Amino acid sequence: MAATRPPQGPPHEEEPVYVISVAAQLSGLHPQTLRTYERVGLITPGRAGGGGRRYSYRDIERLRQIAQLTAAGIGIEGVKRILDLENTVSALRARNAELMAELEATREALRLAARPAVPRSNLPAVPPSSVGQSVVVWRRNP
């Protein structure tokens, strides 16, 4: 009896699994257009063991974005510049989020360090609900 493989989920969005014909179909572009985009540096697909191109889901999304931009009349150099700027903005947003988290952690550490020290006392703590009531404190003589 042959062993069956367990069902696998969809591939990770960066895993290069799609051959050029499937990537072309999914992106709505001709395979030769994909080769051209690779040649001019718009996309860099992974390679299989034999050297064949393998596209990831993220590559296909990028191809769709390129197709939208070129359909809007933007040239290849303009598309390259737009994609570079979008990558820069994404990286800056991620760095900004890191810095904001670090800043908040530093502020919290300063708040904790700036709290006045509570003097230690041998007196019992008086609960806030006893305001307006009398409390008698005595000491036992040794």
C-alpha atoms as a PDB file:
ATOM      1  CA  MET A   1       0.000   0.000   0.000  1.00  0.00           C
ATOM      2  CA  ALA A   2       1.417   3.385  -0.952  1.00  0.00           C
ATOM      3  CA  ALA A   3       1.816   6.059   1.673  1.00  0.00           C
ATOM      4  CA  THR A   4      -0.279   9.136   1.119  1.00  0.00           C
ATOM      5  CA  ARG A   5       1.007  12.630   1.780  1.00  0.00           C
ATOM      6  CA  PRO A   6      -0.948  14.762   4.210  1.00  0.00           C
ATOM      7  CA  PRO A   7      -2.832  17.625   2.583  1.00  0.00           C
ATOM      8  CA  GLN A   8      -0.754  20.770   2.401  1.00  0.00           C
ATOM      9  CA  GLY A   9      -2.010  24.296   2.815  1.00  0.00           C
ATOM     10  CA  PRO A  10      -1.350  27.094   0.370  1.00  0.00           C
ATOM     11  CA  PRO A  11       2.318  27.946  -0.138  1.00  0.00           C
ATOM     12  CA  HIS A  12       3.880  30.751   1.867  1.00  0.00           C
ATOM     13  CA  GLU A  13       3.539  34.053  -0.017  1.00  0.00           C
ATOM     14  CA  GLU A  14       7.305  34.234  -0.619  1.00  0.00           C
ATOM     15  CA  GLU A  15       7.829  30.599  -1.569  1.00  0.00           C
ATOM     16  CA  PRO A  16       8.686  30.317  -5.288  1.00  0.00           C
ATOM     17  CA  VAL A  17       6.337  27.614  -6.580  1.00  0.00           C
ATOM     18  CA  TYR A  18       4.639  28.871  -9.767  1.00  0.00           C
ATOM     19  CA  VAL A  19       6.190  28.160 -13.168  1.00  0.00           C
ATOM     20  CA  ILE A  20       6.280  31.015 -15.681  1.00  0.00           C
ATOM     21  CA  SER A  21       3.154  29.889 -17.563  1.00  0.00           C
ATOM     22  CA  VAL A  22       1.069  29.792 -14.371  1.00  0.00           C
ATOM     23  CA  ALA A  23       2.511  33.108 -13.153  1.00  0.00           C
ATOM     24  CA  ALA A  24       1.697  34.690 -16.518  1.00  0.00           C
ATOM     25  CA  GLN A  25      -1.862  33.402 -16.365  1.00  0.00           C
ATOM     26  CA  LEU A  26      -2.368  34.527 -12.761  1.00  0.00           C
ATOM     27  CA  SER A  27      -0.947  37.989 -13.445  1.00  0.00           C
ATOM     28  CA  GLY A  28      -2.707  38.443 -16.787  1.00  0.00           C
ATOM     29  CA  LEU A  29       0.578  38.983 -18.636  1.00  0.00           C
ATOM     30  CA  HIS A  30       2.368  37.138 -21.439  1.00  0.00           C
ATOM     31  CA  PRO A  31       5.298  34.914 -20.390  1.00  0.00           C
ATOM     32  CA  GLN A  32       7.620  36.972 -22.603  1.00  0.00           C
ATOM     33  CA  THR A  33       6.561  40.094 -20.687  1.00  0.00           C
ATOM     34  CA  LEU A  34       7.577  38.380 -17.454  1.00  0.00           C
ATOM     35  CA  ARG A  35      10.995  37.606 -18.961  1.00  0.00           C
ATOM     36  CA  THR A  36      11.328  41.263 -20.023  1.00  0.00           C
ATOM     37  CA  TYR A  37      10.413  42.518 -16.566  1.00  0.00           C
ATOM     38  CA  GLU A  38      13.040  40.197 -15.104  1.00  0.00           C
ATOM     39  CA  ARG A  39      15.654  41.439 -17.602  1.00  0.00           C
ATOM     40  CA  VAL A  40      15.050  45.112 -16.700  1.00  0.00           C
ATOM     41  CA  GLY A  41      15.088  44.329 -12.966  1.00  0.00           C
ATOM     42  CA  LEU A  42      11.426  44.792 -12.067  1.00  0.00           C
ATOM     43  CA  ILE A  43      11.100  41.258 -10.741  1.00  0.00           C
ATOM     44  CA  THR A  44      13.496  38.539  -9.615  1.00  0.00           C
ATOM     45  CA  PRO A  45      11.882  35.106  -9.597  1.00  0.00           C
ATOM     46  CA  GLY A  46      13.426  32.167  -7.785  1.00  0.00           C
ATOM     47  CA  ARG A  47      15.041  29.334  -9.687  1.00  0.00           C
ATOM     48  CA  ALA A  48      14.329  25.623  -9.617  1.00  0.00           C
ATOM     49  CA  GLY A  49      17.099  23.029  -9.500  1.00  0.00           C
ATOM     50  CA  GLY A  50      17.198  22.870 -13.298  1.00  0.00           C
ATOM     51  CA  GLY A  51      17.272  26.661 -13.646  1.00  0.00           C
ATOM     52  CA  GLY A  52      13.597  27.209 -14.475  1.00  0.00           C
ATOM     53  CA  ARG A  53      11.909  30.303 -13.127  1.00  0.00           C
ATOM     54  CA  ARG A  54       9.646  29.928 -10.111  1.00  0.00           C
ATOM     55  CA  TYR A  55       7.384  32.768  -9.011  1.00  0.00           C
ATOM     56  CA  SER A  56       5.959  33.324  -5.548  1.00  0.00           C
ATOM     57  CA  TYR A  57       2.558  34.737  -4.689  1.00  0.00           C
ATOM     58  CA  ARG A  58       4.286  38.006  -3.796  1.00  0.00           C
ATOM     59  CA  ASP A  59       5.949  38.046  -7.248  1.00  0.00           C
ATOM     60  CA  ILE A  60       2.545  37.623  -8.874  1.00  0.00           C
ATOM     61  CA  GLU A  61       1.101  40.474  -6.805  1.00  0.00           C
ATOM     62  CA  ARG A  62       4.027  42.644  -7.902  1.00  0.00           C
ATOM     63  CA  LEU A  63       3.426  41.672 -11.543  1.00  0.00           C
ATOM     64  CA  ARG A  64      -0.225  42.701 -11.194  1.00  0.00           C
ATOM     65  CA  GLN A  65       0.860  46.030  -9.740  1.00  0.00           C
ATOM     66  CA  ILE A  66       3.309  46.560 -12.623  1.00  0.00           C
ATOM     67  CA  ALA A  67       0.545  45.731 -15.095  1.00  0.00           C
ATOM     68  CA  GLN A  68      -1.761  48.318 -13.488  1.00  0.00           C
ATOM     69  CA  LEU A  69       0.914  51.009 -13.583  1.00  0.00           C
ATOM     70  CA  THR A  70       1.852  50.352 -17.218  1.00  0.00           C
ATOM     71  CA  ALA A  71      -1.841  50.267 -18.174  1.00  0.00           C
ATOM     72  CA  ALA A  72      -2.122  53.736 -16.610  1.00  0.00           C
ATOM     73  CA  GLY A  73       0.534  54.958 -19.049  1.00  0.00           C
ATOM     74  CA  ILE A  74       3.597  54.860 -16.813  1.00  0.00           C
ATOM     75  CA  GLY A  75       6.808  53.739 -18.491  1.00  0.00           C
ATOM     76  CA  ILE A  76       9.089  51.002 -17.222  1.00  0.00           C
ATOM     77  CA  GLU A  77      11.558  53.453 -15.642  1.00  0.00           C
ATOM     78  CA  GLY A  78       8.688  55.235 -13.908  1.00  0.00           C
ATOM     79  CA  VAL A  79       7.358  51.902 -12.636  1.00  0.00           C
ATOM     80  CA  LYS A  80      10.822  51.026 -11.281  1.00  0.00           C
ATOM     81  CA  ARG A  81      11.001  54.360  -9.470  1.00  0.00           C
ATOM     82  CA  ILE A  82       7.494  54.013  -8.025  1.00  0.00           C
ATOM     83  CA  LEU A  83       8.204  50.494  -6.754  1.00  0.00           C
ATOM     84  CA  ASP A  84      11.525  51.616  -5.243  1.00  0.00           C
ATOM     85  CA  LEU A  85       9.791  54.507  -3.465  1.00  0.00           C
ATOM     86  CA  GLU A  86       7.036  52.217  -2.156  1.00  0.00           C
ATOM     87  CA  ASN A  87       9.669  49.824  -0.792  1.00  0.00           C
ATOM     88  CA  THR A  88      11.448  52.747   0.877  1.00  0.00           C
ATOM     89  CA  VAL A  89       8.206  53.991   2.435  1.00  0.00           C
ATOM     90  CA  SER A  90       7.409  50.496   3.756  1.00  0.00           C
ATOM     91  CA  ALA A  91      10.870  50.172   5.288  1.00  0.00           C
ATOM     92  CA  LEU A  92      10.606  53.619   6.872  1.00  0.00           C
ATOM     93  CA  ARG A  93       7.170  52.831   8.313  1.00  0.00           C
ATOM     94  CA  ALA A  94       8.493  49.629   9.850  1.00  0.00           C
ATOM     95  CA  ARG A  95      11.498  51.462  11.318  1.00  0.00           C
ATOM     96  CA  ASN A  96       9.230  54.226  12.639  1.00  0.00           C
ATOM     97  CA  ALA A  97       7.045  51.626  14.370  1.00  0.00           C
ATOM     98  CA  GLU A  98      10.162  50.087  15.968  1.00  0.00           C
ATOM     99  CA  LEU A  99      11.346  53.480  17.178  1.00  0.00           C
ATOM    100  CA  MET A 100       7.925  54.391  18.560  1.00  0.00           C
ATOM    101  CA  ALA A 101       7.801  51.125  20.523  1.00  0.00           C
ATOM    102  CA  GLU A 102      11.308  51.784  21.853  1.00  0.00           C
ATOM    103  CA  LEU A 103      10.356  55.339  22.801  1.00  0.00           C
ATOM    104  CA  GLU A 104       7.259  54.164  24.671  1.00  0.00           C
ATOM    105  CA  ALA A 105       9.294  51.539  26.543  1.00  0.00           C
ATOM    106  CA  THR A 106      11.835  54.228  27.504  1.00  0.00           C
ATOM    107  CA  ARG A 107       9.074  56.560  28.697  1.00  0.00           C
ATOM    108  CA  GLU A 108       7.565  53.803  30.803  1.00  0.00           C
ATOM    109  CA  ALA A 109      10.964  53.004  32.328  1.00  0.00           C
ATOM    110  CA  LEU A 110      11.429  56.702  33.168  1.00  0.00           C
ATOM    111  CA  ARG A 111       7.954  56.866  34.734  1.00  0.00           C
ATOM    112  CA  LEU A 112       8.759  53.893  36.935  1.00  0.00           C
ATOM    113  CA  ALA A 113      12.160  55.295  37.886  1.00  0.00           C
ATOM    114  CA  ALA A 114      10.711  58.732  38.716  1.00  0.00           C
ATOM    115  CA  ARG A 115       8.129  57.443  41.195  1.00  0.00           C
ATOM    116  CA  PRO A 116       8.897  58.716  44.686  1.00  0.00           C
ATOM    117  CA  ALA A 117      10.063  56.087  47.087  1.00  0.00           C
ATOM    118  CA  VAL A 118       7.392  55.178  49.610  1.00  0.00           C
ATOM    119  CA  PRO A 119       8.855  55.436  53.116  1.00  0.00           C
ATOM    120  CA  ARG A 120       8.581  52.176  54.995  1.00  0.00           C
ATOM    121  CA  SER A 121       6.584  52.380  58.170  1.00  0.00           C
ATOM    122  CA  ASN A 122       5.700  50.040  60.982  1.00  0.00           C
ATOM    123  CA  LEU A 123       2.214  51.524  61.022  1.00  0.00           C
ATOM    124  CA  PRO A 124      -0.620  49.498  59.554  1.00  0.00           C
ATOM    125  CA  ALA A 125      -2.005  50.587  56.218  1.00  0.00           C
ATOM    126  CA  VAL A 126      -5.308  52.415  56.423  1.00  0.00           C
ATOM    127  CA  PRO A 127      -7.717  51.431  53.686  1.00  0.00           C
ATOM    128  CA  PRO A 128      -9.221  54.317  51.690  1.00  0.00           C
ATOM    129  CA  SER A 129     -12.754  53.318  52.706  1.00  0.00           C
ATOM    130  CA  SER A 130     -12.027  54.337  56.316  1.00  0.00           C
ATOM    131  CA  VAL A 131     -11.785  58.058  55.573  1.00  0.00           C
ATOM    132  CA  GLY A 132     -13.703  59.980  58.190  1.00  0.00           C
ATOM    133  CA  GLN A 133     -13.310  57.201  60.743  1.00  0.00           C
ATOM    134  CA  SER A 134     -10.949  57.166  63.691  1.00  0.00           C
ATOM    135  CA  VAL A 135      -7.912  54.944  63.895  1.00  0.00           C
ATOM    136  CA  VAL A 136      -6.131  54.292  67.166  1.00  0.00           C
ATOM    137  CA  VAL A 137      -2.440  53.433  67.005  1.00  0.00           C
ATOM    138  CA  TRP A 138      -0.462  52.305  70.035  1.00  0.00           C
ATOM    139  CA  ARG A 139       2.884  50.833  70.750  1.00  0.00           C
ATOM    140  CA  ARG A 140       3.619  48.116  73.164  1.00  0.00           C
ATOM    141  CA  ASN A 141       6.378  48.970  75.582  1.00  0.00           C
ATOM    142  CA  PRO A 142       9.032  46.307  75.794  1.00  0.00           C
END
